[in-house]
Every structure is written in C-alpha cells, then in structure tokens.
Amino acid sequence: MDSITNEDKLKCVKRELAMRRNVYPKWVVSGRMKQEQADREIAVMAEVVEDYERRPALIDAAASVVTQSKDFRIGMPEGWEGDPLTDACEDLEDALLR
C-alpha cells in the first residue's frame, strides 16, 4: 500500500463531512439520530477538515523557524550544543508531517 498523505486524509474527511451533511438530516427525521448529536458530529468533522486545511501553513511556518534557527547556529563555536528551539521546531515539523 502506498503511504497515505495529508492530502489523502483531507480528501477523505471532506467526503465524510459531505456525507454527514447529506445523511444526518434524514436520520434525524427518521428518529435514528437526535438533532443535537447530528449537529455535534457534523461540527467535529468540520473542524477536522479545517485542521487538515491549515496543516500546509503550519508545516511552512515550522520549516521557516527551523531554517532560521539553523542559520543562527552557523558560526557558533565548535562543540556548541544545539538550541532547544531548533529541537522543538524539528519535533513539531515531524509531528505535522505524520
């Protein structure tokens, strides 16, 4: 199986949101689901879509900070240890790319 990208995930959650918006009102009318539950489930999925839509900007921002931090280290004395900001930014970038 090919790796699943963030773009693949975004497309999937958008399809799921569209399905919920189409199906849940019918389920409410039929009594299969309460209106409050339908509203909540749709709202949760809408926020997941928003999260995945924001990811590229977050990744770009994290990469920019990491690059700036690495540029800062150029010219530092030999044996100088990495700064916590770079480590934290690299961890953030890794987490966002999952």
N, C-alpha and C. Protein backbone atom coordinates (compact mmCIF):
# COMPACT_ATOMS: atom_id res chain seq x y z
N MET A 1 0.85 -1.18 0.00
CA MET A 1 0.00 0.00 0.00
C MET A 1 0.89 1.24 0.00
N ASP A 2 0.54 2.22 -0.82
CA ASP A 2 1.25 3.49 -0.84
C ASP A 2 1.03 4.23 0.48
N SER A 3 1.96 5.11 0.80
CA SER A 3 1.79 5.89 2.02
C SER A 3 0.59 6.83 1.87
N ILE A 4 -0.03 7.10 2.97
CA ILE A 4 -1.22 7.96 2.99
C ILE A 4 -0.75 9.37 3.33
N THR A 5 -1.02 10.30 2.42
CA THR A 5 -0.57 11.67 2.60
C THR A 5 -1.62 12.49 3.34
N ASN A 6 -1.20 13.67 3.77
CA ASN A 6 -2.15 14.59 4.40
C ASN A 6 -3.22 15.01 3.40
N GLU A 7 -2.85 15.13 2.12
CA GLU A 7 -3.84 15.46 1.09
C GLU A 7 -4.88 14.36 0.96
N ASP A 8 -4.44 13.09 1.03
CA ASP A 8 -5.38 11.96 1.01
C ASP A 8 -6.34 12.04 2.19
N LYS A 9 -5.79 12.35 3.36
CA LYS A 9 -6.62 12.45 4.57
C LYS A 9 -7.62 13.59 4.45
N LEU A 10 -7.18 14.72 3.91
CA LEU A 10 -8.08 15.86 3.74
C LEU A 10 -9.23 15.51 2.80
N LYS A 11 -8.93 14.88 1.68
CA LYS A 11 -9.99 14.47 0.74
C LYS A 11 -10.99 13.53 1.42
N CYS A 12 -10.47 12.62 2.23
CA CYS A 12 -11.34 11.65 2.92
C CYS A 12 -12.26 12.34 3.92
N VAL A 13 -11.71 13.25 4.73
CA VAL A 13 -12.57 13.90 5.73
C VAL A 13 -13.56 14.86 5.06
N LYS A 14 -13.19 15.43 3.92
CA LYS A 14 -14.15 16.26 3.19
C LYS A 14 -15.31 15.41 2.67
N ARG A 15 -15.00 14.22 2.16
CA ARG A 15 -16.08 13.31 1.71
C ARG A 15 -16.96 12.91 2.89
N GLU A 16 -16.35 12.62 4.01
CA GLU A 16 -17.11 12.24 5.20
C GLU A 16 -18.00 13.38 5.67
N LEU A 17 -17.50 14.60 5.66
CA LEU A 17 -18.30 15.76 6.05
C LEU A 17 -19.49 15.93 5.11
N ALA A 18 -19.25 15.81 3.82
CA ALA A 18 -20.34 15.92 2.84
C ALA A 18 -21.39 14.84 3.06
N MET A 19 -20.93 13.62 3.34
CA MET A 19 -21.86 12.52 3.60
C MET A 19 -22.70 12.81 4.84
N ARG A 20 -22.07 13.28 5.90
CA ARG A 20 -22.81 13.59 7.13
C ARG A 20 -23.84 14.69 6.89
N ARG A 21 -23.46 15.70 6.15
CA ARG A 21 -24.40 16.79 5.87
C ARG A 21 -25.57 16.31 5.03
N ASN A 22 -25.36 15.30 4.23
CA ASN A 22 -26.43 14.76 3.38
C ASN A 22 -27.30 13.75 4.13
N VAL A 23 -26.68 12.89 4.90
CA VAL A 23 -27.39 11.76 5.51
C VAL A 23 -27.99 12.08 6.88
N TYR A 24 -27.27 12.80 7.71
CA TYR A 24 -27.74 13.01 9.08
C TYR A 24 -29.10 13.69 9.18
N PRO A 25 -29.42 14.68 8.35
CA PRO A 25 -30.77 15.25 8.45
C PRO A 25 -31.87 14.20 8.22
N LYS A 26 -31.62 13.28 7.31
CA LYS A 26 -32.59 12.19 7.06
C LYS A 26 -32.70 11.29 8.29
N TRP A 27 -31.57 11.03 8.93
CA TRP A 27 -31.58 10.20 10.12
C TRP A 27 -32.31 10.88 11.27
N VAL A 28 -32.20 12.20 11.36
CA VAL A 28 -32.91 12.95 12.40
C VAL A 28 -34.42 12.83 12.16
N VAL A 29 -34.84 13.02 10.91
CA VAL A 29 -36.27 12.93 10.58
C VAL A 29 -36.81 11.54 10.88
N SER A 30 -36.02 10.51 10.60
CA SER A 30 -36.48 9.13 10.81
C SER A 30 -36.39 8.70 12.27
N GLY A 31 -35.75 9.52 13.13
CA GLY A 31 -35.62 9.17 14.54
C GLY A 31 -34.39 8.33 14.85
N ARG A 32 -33.58 8.07 13.85
CA ARG A 32 -32.38 7.26 14.05
C ARG A 32 -31.30 8.03 14.82
N MET A 33 -31.36 9.37 14.76
CA MET A 33 -30.35 10.21 15.41
C MET A 33 -31.03 11.46 15.95
N LYS A 34 -30.57 11.93 17.08
CA LYS A 34 -31.10 13.19 17.63
C LYS A 34 -30.41 14.37 16.95
N GLN A 35 -31.11 15.49 16.86
CA GLN A 35 -30.58 16.67 16.19
C GLN A 35 -29.29 17.16 16.84
N GLU A 36 -29.25 17.12 18.16
CA GLU A 36 -28.05 17.58 18.87
C GLU A 36 -26.84 16.73 18.51
N GLN A 37 -27.04 15.42 18.41
CA GLN A 37 -25.94 14.52 18.05
C GLN A 37 -25.49 14.78 16.61
N ALA A 38 -26.44 14.98 15.72
CA ALA A 38 -26.10 15.26 14.32
C ALA A 38 -25.30 16.54 14.21
N ASP A 39 -25.77 17.57 14.90
CA ASP A 39 -25.06 18.86 14.87
C ASP A 39 -23.64 18.71 15.39
N ARG A 40 -23.49 17.99 16.49
CA ARG A 40 -22.16 17.80 17.10
C ARG A 40 -21.23 17.02 16.17
N GLU A 41 -21.72 15.93 15.62
CA GLU A 41 -20.89 15.10 14.74
C GLU A 41 -20.46 15.86 13.49
N ILE A 42 -21.36 16.66 12.94
CA ILE A 42 -21.02 17.47 11.76
C ILE A 42 -20.00 18.54 12.14
N ALA A 43 -20.18 19.17 13.29
CA ALA A 43 -19.25 20.21 13.74
C ALA A 43 -17.85 19.64 13.97
N VAL A 44 -17.78 18.47 14.58
CA VAL A 44 -16.48 17.84 14.83
C VAL A 44 -15.77 17.56 13.50
N MET A 45 -16.48 16.99 12.55
CA MET A 45 -15.85 16.68 11.27
C MET A 45 -15.46 17.95 10.52
N ALA A 46 -16.25 19.00 10.64
CA ALA A 46 -15.91 20.28 10.00
C ALA A 46 -14.59 20.82 10.58
N GLU A 47 -14.39 20.66 11.89
CA GLU A 47 -13.14 21.11 12.49
C GLU A 47 -11.96 20.26 12.06
N VAL A 48 -12.18 18.96 11.85
CA VAL A 48 -11.11 18.10 11.34
C VAL A 48 -10.69 18.57 9.95
N VAL A 49 -11.67 18.89 9.11
CA VAL A 49 -11.37 19.43 7.77
C VAL A 49 -10.54 20.70 7.91
N GLU A 50 -10.95 21.61 8.78
CA GLU A 50 -10.21 22.86 8.98
C GLU A 50 -8.78 22.59 9.44
N ASP A 51 -8.61 21.62 10.34
CA ASP A 51 -7.26 21.28 10.81
C ASP A 51 -6.37 20.83 9.65
N TYR A 52 -6.89 19.95 8.81
CA TYR A 52 -6.09 19.46 7.69
C TYR A 52 -5.87 20.54 6.64
N GLU A 53 -6.79 21.47 6.50
CA GLU A 53 -6.59 22.57 5.56
C GLU A 53 -5.50 23.53 6.06
N ARG A 54 -5.34 23.64 7.38
CA ARG A 54 -4.32 24.52 7.97
C ARG A 54 -2.93 23.89 7.99
N ARG A 55 -2.86 22.59 7.89
CA ARG A 55 -1.58 21.90 8.04
C ARG A 55 -0.47 22.41 7.13
N PRO A 56 -0.72 22.65 5.83
CA PRO A 56 0.39 23.15 5.00
C PRO A 56 0.98 24.45 5.52
N ALA A 57 0.15 25.36 6.00
CA ALA A 57 0.65 26.63 6.53
C ALA A 57 1.46 26.39 7.81
N LEU A 58 1.01 25.48 8.65
CA LEU A 58 1.74 25.18 9.88
C LEU A 58 3.09 24.54 9.57
N ILE A 59 3.11 23.65 8.59
CA ILE A 59 4.36 23.00 8.21
C ILE A 59 5.33 24.04 7.65
N ASP A 60 4.84 24.94 6.81
CA ASP A 60 5.69 26.00 6.26
C ASP A 60 6.25 26.88 7.38
N ALA A 61 5.40 27.23 8.35
CA ALA A 61 5.84 28.08 9.45
C ALA A 61 6.90 27.36 10.29
N ALA A 62 6.68 26.09 10.57
CA ALA A 62 7.65 25.32 11.35
C ALA A 62 8.97 25.21 10.59
N ALA A 63 8.90 24.96 9.29
CA ALA A 63 10.12 24.85 8.49
C ALA A 63 10.89 26.17 8.48
N SER A 64 10.17 27.27 8.41
CA SER A 64 10.80 28.59 8.42
C SER A 64 11.55 28.83 9.73
N VAL A 65 10.93 28.48 10.84
CA VAL A 65 11.56 28.67 12.15
C VAL A 65 12.79 27.77 12.27
N VAL A 66 12.66 26.52 11.80
CA VAL A 66 13.80 25.60 11.87
C VAL A 66 14.95 26.14 11.03
N THR A 67 14.66 26.61 9.83
CA THR A 67 15.69 27.16 8.95
C THR A 67 16.37 28.37 9.61
N GLN A 68 15.58 29.26 10.18
CA GLN A 68 16.16 30.44 10.84
C GLN A 68 17.04 30.03 12.02
N SER A 69 16.59 29.03 12.76
CA SER A 69 17.36 28.58 13.91
C SER A 69 18.67 27.94 13.45
N LYS A 70 18.62 27.17 12.35
CA LYS A 70 19.84 26.54 11.83
C LYS A 70 20.79 27.61 11.31
N ASP A 71 20.25 28.63 10.65
CA ASP A 71 21.08 29.73 10.17
C ASP A 71 21.77 30.43 11.33
N PHE A 72 21.08 30.53 12.45
CA PHE A 72 21.64 31.17 13.64
C PHE A 72 22.87 30.42 14.14
N ARG A 73 22.83 29.08 14.00
CA ARG A 73 23.92 28.27 14.53
C ARG A 73 25.20 28.37 13.70
N ILE A 74 25.10 28.83 12.45
CA ILE A 74 26.29 28.97 11.61
C ILE A 74 27.24 29.95 12.29
N GLY A 75 28.47 29.57 12.41
CA GLY A 75 29.46 30.45 13.02
C GLY A 75 29.58 30.30 14.53
N MET A 76 28.76 29.43 15.11
CA MET A 76 28.87 29.23 16.55
C MET A 76 30.14 28.42 16.83
N PRO A 77 30.71 28.54 18.02
CA PRO A 77 31.96 27.82 18.34
C PRO A 77 31.78 26.31 18.19
N GLU A 78 32.87 25.66 17.81
CA GLU A 78 32.84 24.20 17.68
C GLU A 78 32.50 23.58 19.03
N GLY A 79 31.70 22.55 19.00
CA GLY A 79 31.29 21.90 20.23
C GLY A 79 30.04 22.49 20.86
N TRP A 80 29.56 23.60 20.27
CA TRP A 80 28.34 24.23 20.77
C TRP A 80 27.17 23.29 20.56
N GLU A 81 26.40 23.09 21.58
CA GLU A 81 25.26 22.18 21.50
C GLU A 81 24.07 22.87 20.85
N GLY A 82 23.21 22.08 20.21
CA GLY A 82 22.01 22.62 19.57
C GLY A 82 21.11 23.33 20.57
N ASP A 83 20.36 24.27 20.06
CA ASP A 83 19.49 25.02 20.96
C ASP A 83 18.13 24.32 21.09
N PRO A 84 17.47 24.47 22.22
CA PRO A 84 16.17 23.81 22.44
C PRO A 84 15.12 24.24 21.43
N LEU A 85 15.19 25.46 20.91
CA LEU A 85 14.21 25.93 19.93
C LEU A 85 14.28 25.09 18.66
N THR A 86 15.48 24.83 18.18
CA THR A 86 15.63 24.01 16.98
C THR A 86 15.07 22.62 17.22
N ASP A 87 15.42 22.02 18.35
CA ASP A 87 14.93 20.69 18.66
C ASP A 87 13.40 20.67 18.72
N ALA A 88 12.83 21.67 19.37
CA ALA A 88 11.37 21.73 19.48
C ALA A 88 10.73 21.92 18.12
N CYS A 89 11.32 22.76 17.29
CA CYS A 89 10.76 23.00 15.96
C CYS A 89 10.85 21.76 15.08
N GLU A 90 11.95 21.05 15.18
CA GLU A 90 12.09 19.82 14.41
C GLU A 90 11.07 18.77 14.87
N ASP A 91 10.84 18.69 16.18
CA ASP A 91 9.81 17.79 16.69
C ASP A 91 8.44 18.18 16.17
N LEU A 92 8.15 19.48 16.15
CA LEU A 92 6.87 19.98 15.63
C LEU A 92 6.73 19.63 14.16
N GLU A 93 7.77 19.87 13.40
CA GLU A 93 7.72 19.56 11.97
C GLU A 93 7.47 18.08 11.75
N ASP A 94 8.16 17.22 12.50
CA ASP A 94 7.94 15.77 12.38
C ASP A 94 6.51 15.40 12.70
N ALA A 95 5.97 16.00 13.75
CA ALA A 95 4.59 15.69 14.15
C ALA A 95 3.59 16.14 13.09
N LEU A 96 3.83 17.29 12.49
CA LEU A 96 2.89 17.79 11.48
C LEU A 96 2.95 16.98 10.20
N LEU A 97 4.07 16.36 9.92
CA LEU A 97 4.21 15.60 8.68
C LEU A 97 3.62 14.19 8.80
N ARG A 98 3.25 13.79 9.98
CA ARG A 98 2.66 12.45 10.15
C ARG A 98 1.34 12.34 9.46
